[in-house]
């Protein structure tokens, strides 16, 4: 996917938004009534956007998670628990993202 999108907010716009903490708090309060974390809401808002998450992104994260699981098992079986643990941690992060 080409990266030909301009930023959603310019630096001055970011400065303005960040200077209005009460407005940000109000947005968070409104989103807080939904049964999702703010992280999940951000993902939902970006889903299928040309600059957001696609089904391919979800599939990729799931495949990386599975690969990490296999590598963790192989390293544990070969007597390398430190590397196995690294793959477990990495796989867990990818599983959460999927």
N, C-alpha and C. Protein backbone atom coordinates (compact mmCIF):
# COMPACT_ATOMS: atom_id res chain seq x y z
N UNK A 1 0.84 -1.16 0.00
CA UNK A 1 0.00 0.00 0.00
C UNK A 1 0.90 1.23 0.00
N UNK A 2 0.80 2.10 -0.99
CA UNK A 2 1.66 3.27 -1.05
C UNK A 2 1.32 4.25 0.08
N UNK A 3 2.34 4.92 0.55
CA UNK A 3 2.17 5.88 1.63
C UNK A 3 2.07 7.27 1.04
N UNK A 4 0.94 7.57 0.39
CA UNK A 4 0.78 8.86 -0.25
C UNK A 4 -0.28 9.71 0.44
N UNK A 5 -0.52 9.46 1.71
CA UNK A 5 -1.51 10.21 2.46
C UNK A 5 -0.80 11.29 3.27
N UNK A 6 -1.40 12.45 3.30
CA UNK A 6 -0.85 13.51 4.13
C UNK A 6 -1.25 13.25 5.58
N UNK A 7 -0.52 13.83 6.52
CA UNK A 7 -0.88 13.64 7.93
C UNK A 7 -2.31 14.12 8.20
N UNK A 8 -2.97 13.46 9.12
CA UNK A 8 -4.34 13.83 9.47
C UNK A 8 -4.40 15.23 10.07
N UNK A 9 -3.38 15.58 10.83
CA UNK A 9 -3.29 16.90 11.44
C UNK A 9 -1.91 17.49 11.17
N UNK A 10 -1.88 18.77 10.88
CA UNK A 10 -0.60 19.46 10.69
C UNK A 10 0.01 19.72 12.07
N UNK A 11 1.31 20.04 12.13
CA UNK A 11 1.91 20.37 13.44
C UNK A 11 1.15 21.46 14.20
N UNK A 12 0.72 22.55 13.54
CA UNK A 12 -0.05 23.56 14.29
C UNK A 12 -1.40 23.01 14.79
N UNK A 13 -2.02 22.14 13.99
CA UNK A 13 -3.29 21.55 14.43
C UNK A 13 -3.07 20.65 15.64
N UNK A 14 -1.99 19.87 15.64
CA UNK A 14 -1.67 19.04 16.79
C UNK A 14 -1.47 19.91 18.03
N UNK A 15 -0.75 21.01 17.85
CA UNK A 15 -0.51 21.92 18.97
C UNK A 15 -1.84 22.43 19.53
N UNK A 16 -2.75 22.78 18.62
CA UNK A 16 -4.06 23.25 19.06
C UNK A 16 -4.85 22.18 19.79
N UNK A 17 -4.86 20.98 19.24
CA UNK A 17 -5.59 19.88 19.86
C UNK A 17 -5.01 19.56 21.23
N UNK A 18 -3.69 19.45 21.30
CA UNK A 18 -3.05 19.09 22.57
C UNK A 18 -3.19 20.20 23.60
N UNK A 19 -3.44 21.42 23.14
CA UNK A 19 -3.66 22.53 24.06
C UNK A 19 -5.06 22.55 24.64
N UNK A 20 -5.93 21.70 24.14
CA UNK A 20 -7.32 21.65 24.61
C UNK A 20 -7.56 20.33 25.33
N UNK A 21 -6.91 20.17 26.46
CA UNK A 21 -7.01 18.92 27.21
C UNK A 21 -8.44 18.61 27.64
N UNK A 22 -9.24 19.65 27.90
CA UNK A 22 -10.62 19.40 28.30
C UNK A 22 -11.42 18.77 27.15
N UNK A 23 -11.13 19.19 25.92
CA UNK A 23 -11.79 18.59 24.76
C UNK A 23 -11.38 17.14 24.56
N UNK A 24 -10.10 16.87 24.77
CA UNK A 24 -9.62 15.48 24.67
C UNK A 24 -10.25 14.62 25.76
N UNK A 25 -10.35 15.18 26.96
CA UNK A 25 -10.97 14.44 28.06
C UNK A 25 -12.43 14.14 27.74
N UNK A 26 -13.11 15.10 27.11
CA UNK A 26 -14.51 14.90 26.74
C UNK A 26 -14.64 13.77 25.71
N UNK A 27 -13.75 13.75 24.71
CA UNK A 27 -13.77 12.67 23.72
C UNK A 27 -13.54 11.31 24.39
N UNK A 28 -12.56 11.26 25.28
CA UNK A 28 -12.27 10.00 25.97
C UNK A 28 -13.47 9.56 26.81
N UNK A 29 -14.14 10.54 27.43
CA UNK A 29 -15.31 10.23 28.24
C UNK A 29 -16.43 9.65 27.36
N UNK A 30 -16.64 10.23 26.19
CA UNK A 30 -17.66 9.72 25.28
C UNK A 30 -17.32 8.30 24.82
N UNK A 31 -16.05 8.08 24.45
CA UNK A 31 -15.64 6.75 24.01
C UNK A 31 -15.65 5.77 25.17
N UNK A 32 -15.51 6.27 26.39
CA UNK A 32 -15.49 5.41 27.56
C UNK A 32 -16.79 4.68 27.81
N UNK A 33 -17.88 5.15 27.19
CA UNK A 33 -19.16 4.47 27.38
C UNK A 33 -19.29 3.24 26.50
N UNK A 34 -18.37 3.09 25.55
CA UNK A 34 -18.39 1.92 24.67
C UNK A 34 -17.72 0.74 25.35
N UNK A 35 -18.08 -0.49 24.97
CA UNK A 35 -17.51 -1.67 25.64
C UNK A 35 -16.13 -2.06 25.08
N UNK A 36 -15.33 -1.08 24.65
CA UNK A 36 -14.01 -1.35 24.10
C UNK A 36 -12.99 -0.43 24.74
N UNK A 37 -11.73 -0.84 24.74
CA UNK A 37 -10.66 0.04 25.20
C UNK A 37 -10.44 1.12 24.14
N UNK A 38 -9.78 2.21 24.52
CA UNK A 38 -9.49 3.26 23.54
C UNK A 38 -8.59 2.72 22.43
N UNK A 39 -7.73 1.78 22.76
CA UNK A 39 -6.87 1.16 21.75
C UNK A 39 -7.72 0.41 20.73
N UNK A 40 -8.70 -0.34 21.22
CA UNK A 40 -9.59 -1.08 20.32
C UNK A 40 -10.43 -0.13 19.48
N UNK A 41 -10.89 0.95 20.08
CA UNK A 41 -11.68 1.93 19.33
C UNK A 41 -10.85 2.53 18.21
N UNK A 42 -9.58 2.85 18.49
CA UNK A 42 -8.70 3.39 17.45
C UNK A 42 -8.56 2.39 16.31
N UNK A 43 -8.38 1.13 16.65
CA UNK A 43 -8.26 0.10 15.61
C UNK A 43 -9.55 -0.01 14.80
N UNK A 44 -10.69 0.04 15.47
CA UNK A 44 -11.97 -0.04 14.76
C UNK A 44 -12.16 1.14 13.82
N UNK A 45 -11.77 2.33 14.25
CA UNK A 45 -11.91 3.51 13.41
C UNK A 45 -10.98 3.47 12.20
N UNK A 46 -9.85 2.80 12.33
CA UNK A 46 -8.90 2.72 11.22
C UNK A 46 -9.14 1.53 10.30
N UNK A 47 -9.94 0.56 10.75
CA UNK A 47 -10.12 -0.67 9.98
C UNK A 47 -10.62 -0.38 8.56
N UNK A 48 -9.95 -0.98 7.59
CA UNK A 48 -10.26 -0.88 6.16
C UNK A 48 -10.07 0.52 5.57
N UNK A 49 -9.48 1.42 6.34
CA UNK A 49 -9.12 2.72 5.77
C UNK A 49 -7.85 2.52 4.96
N UNK A 50 -7.61 3.32 3.92
CA UNK A 50 -6.41 3.12 3.11
C UNK A 50 -5.12 3.34 3.91
N UNK A 51 -5.22 3.97 5.06
CA UNK A 51 -4.06 4.22 5.91
C UNK A 51 -4.19 3.48 7.24
N UNK A 52 -5.17 2.61 7.35
CA UNK A 52 -5.42 1.91 8.61
C UNK A 52 -5.16 0.42 8.50
N UNK A 53 -5.92 -0.36 9.24
CA UNK A 53 -5.75 -1.80 9.27
C UNK A 53 -6.61 -2.46 8.21
N UNK A 54 -6.06 -3.45 7.56
CA UNK A 54 -6.82 -4.23 6.59
C UNK A 54 -6.91 -5.67 7.08
N UNK A 55 -7.71 -6.46 6.42
CA UNK A 55 -7.80 -7.87 6.77
C UNK A 55 -6.45 -8.54 6.58
N UNK A 56 -5.68 -8.09 5.59
CA UNK A 56 -4.34 -8.65 5.38
C UNK A 56 -3.45 -8.38 6.59
N UNK A 57 -3.57 -7.19 7.20
CA UNK A 57 -2.80 -6.88 8.40
C UNK A 57 -3.14 -7.86 9.52
N UNK A 58 -4.41 -8.15 9.69
CA UNK A 58 -4.85 -9.08 10.72
C UNK A 58 -4.31 -10.48 10.43
N UNK A 59 -4.40 -10.90 9.18
CA UNK A 59 -3.88 -12.22 8.78
C UNK A 59 -2.38 -12.29 9.01
N UNK A 60 -1.65 -11.24 8.64
CA UNK A 60 -0.20 -11.21 8.83
C UNK A 60 0.16 -11.35 10.31
N UNK A 61 -0.54 -10.62 11.17
CA UNK A 61 -0.26 -10.69 12.61
C UNK A 61 -0.52 -12.09 13.14
N UNK A 62 -1.59 -12.72 12.69
CA UNK A 62 -1.90 -14.08 13.14
C UNK A 62 -0.83 -15.07 12.67
N UNK A 63 -0.36 -14.90 11.43
CA UNK A 63 0.68 -15.80 10.91
C UNK A 63 2.01 -15.60 11.64
N UNK A 64 2.36 -14.36 11.94
CA UNK A 64 3.60 -14.11 12.69
C UNK A 64 3.48 -14.72 14.09
N UNK A 65 2.32 -14.59 14.70
CA UNK A 65 2.11 -15.17 16.01
C UNK A 65 2.29 -16.69 15.98
N UNK A 66 1.74 -17.33 14.97
CA UNK A 66 1.87 -18.78 14.83
C UNK A 66 3.34 -19.18 14.60
N UNK A 67 4.04 -18.42 13.77
CA UNK A 67 5.46 -18.68 13.52
C UNK A 67 6.24 -18.59 14.83
N UNK A 68 5.95 -17.55 15.61
CA UNK A 68 6.65 -17.39 16.89
C UNK A 68 6.37 -18.55 17.83
N UNK A 69 5.16 -19.06 17.80
CA UNK A 69 4.81 -20.21 18.63
C UNK A 69 5.63 -21.44 18.24
N UNK A 70 5.75 -21.67 16.94
CA UNK A 70 6.54 -22.80 16.43
C UNK A 70 8.01 -22.62 16.81
N UNK A 71 8.53 -21.41 16.61
CA UNK A 71 9.94 -21.15 16.93
C UNK A 71 10.21 -21.28 18.42
N UNK A 72 9.26 -20.86 19.23
CA UNK A 72 9.41 -21.00 20.67
C UNK A 72 9.51 -22.47 21.06
N UNK A 73 8.62 -23.28 20.51
CA UNK A 73 8.64 -24.72 20.82
C UNK A 73 9.94 -25.37 20.35
N UNK A 74 10.40 -25.00 19.15
CA UNK A 74 11.65 -25.57 18.64
C UNK A 74 12.83 -25.18 19.50
N UNK A 75 12.90 -23.92 19.91
CA UNK A 75 14.02 -23.48 20.74
C UNK A 75 13.97 -24.11 22.13
N UNK A 76 12.78 -24.26 22.67
CA UNK A 76 12.66 -24.91 23.98
C UNK A 76 13.10 -26.37 23.88
N UNK A 77 12.69 -27.05 22.79
CA UNK A 77 13.06 -28.45 22.60
C UNK A 77 14.56 -28.61 22.37
N UNK A 78 15.19 -27.60 21.78
CA UNK A 78 16.63 -27.70 21.52
C UNK A 78 17.47 -27.21 22.70
N UNK A 79 16.81 -26.85 23.80
CA UNK A 79 17.55 -26.47 24.99
C UNK A 79 17.91 -25.00 25.08
N UNK A 80 17.18 -24.14 24.39
CA UNK A 80 17.46 -22.71 24.43
C UNK A 80 16.23 -21.97 24.98
N UNK A 81 16.04 -22.04 26.30
CA UNK A 81 14.84 -21.43 26.88
C UNK A 81 14.81 -19.90 26.76
N UNK A 82 15.97 -19.25 26.72
CA UNK A 82 16.00 -17.79 26.61
C UNK A 82 15.41 -17.34 25.27
N UNK A 83 15.84 -17.98 24.19
CA UNK A 83 15.31 -17.63 22.87
C UNK A 83 13.84 -18.03 22.77
N UNK A 84 13.50 -19.18 23.37
CA UNK A 84 12.10 -19.62 23.37
C UNK A 84 11.22 -18.57 24.05
N UNK A 85 11.68 -18.03 25.16
CA UNK A 85 10.91 -17.00 25.88
C UNK A 85 10.75 -15.74 25.05
N UNK A 86 11.79 -15.36 24.32
CA UNK A 86 11.69 -14.18 23.45
C UNK A 86 10.63 -14.38 22.38
N UNK A 87 10.62 -15.58 21.78
CA UNK A 87 9.60 -15.87 20.77
C UNK A 87 8.20 -15.90 21.39
N UNK A 88 8.08 -16.40 22.62
CA UNK A 88 6.78 -16.40 23.29
C UNK A 88 6.27 -14.98 23.50
N UNK A 89 7.15 -14.09 23.97
CA UNK A 89 6.75 -12.70 24.19
C UNK A 89 6.36 -12.02 22.88
N UNK A 90 7.19 -12.22 21.86
CA UNK A 90 6.91 -11.61 20.56
C UNK A 90 5.61 -12.16 19.98
N UNK A 91 5.42 -13.46 20.08
CA UNK A 91 4.20 -14.07 19.57
C UNK A 91 2.96 -13.57 20.29
N UNK A 92 3.09 -13.36 21.59
CA UNK A 92 1.97 -12.83 22.36
C UNK A 92 1.57 -11.44 21.91
N UNK A 93 2.56 -10.60 21.64
CA UNK A 93 2.25 -9.24 21.15
C UNK A 93 1.55 -9.30 19.80
N UNK A 94 2.02 -10.17 18.92
CA UNK A 94 1.38 -10.28 17.60
C UNK A 94 -0.02 -10.88 17.72
N UNK A 95 -0.21 -11.80 18.65
CA UNK A 95 -1.53 -12.41 18.86
C UNK A 95 -2.51 -11.33 19.34
N UNK A 96 -2.06 -10.45 20.24
CA UNK A 96 -2.92 -9.36 20.71
C UNK A 96 -3.30 -8.43 19.57
N UNK A 97 -2.36 -8.16 18.68
CA UNK A 97 -2.63 -7.25 17.56
C UNK A 97 -3.59 -7.85 16.55
N UNK A 98 -3.55 -9.18 16.44
CA UNK A 98 -4.43 -9.84 15.46
C UNK A 98 -5.84 -9.82 15.98
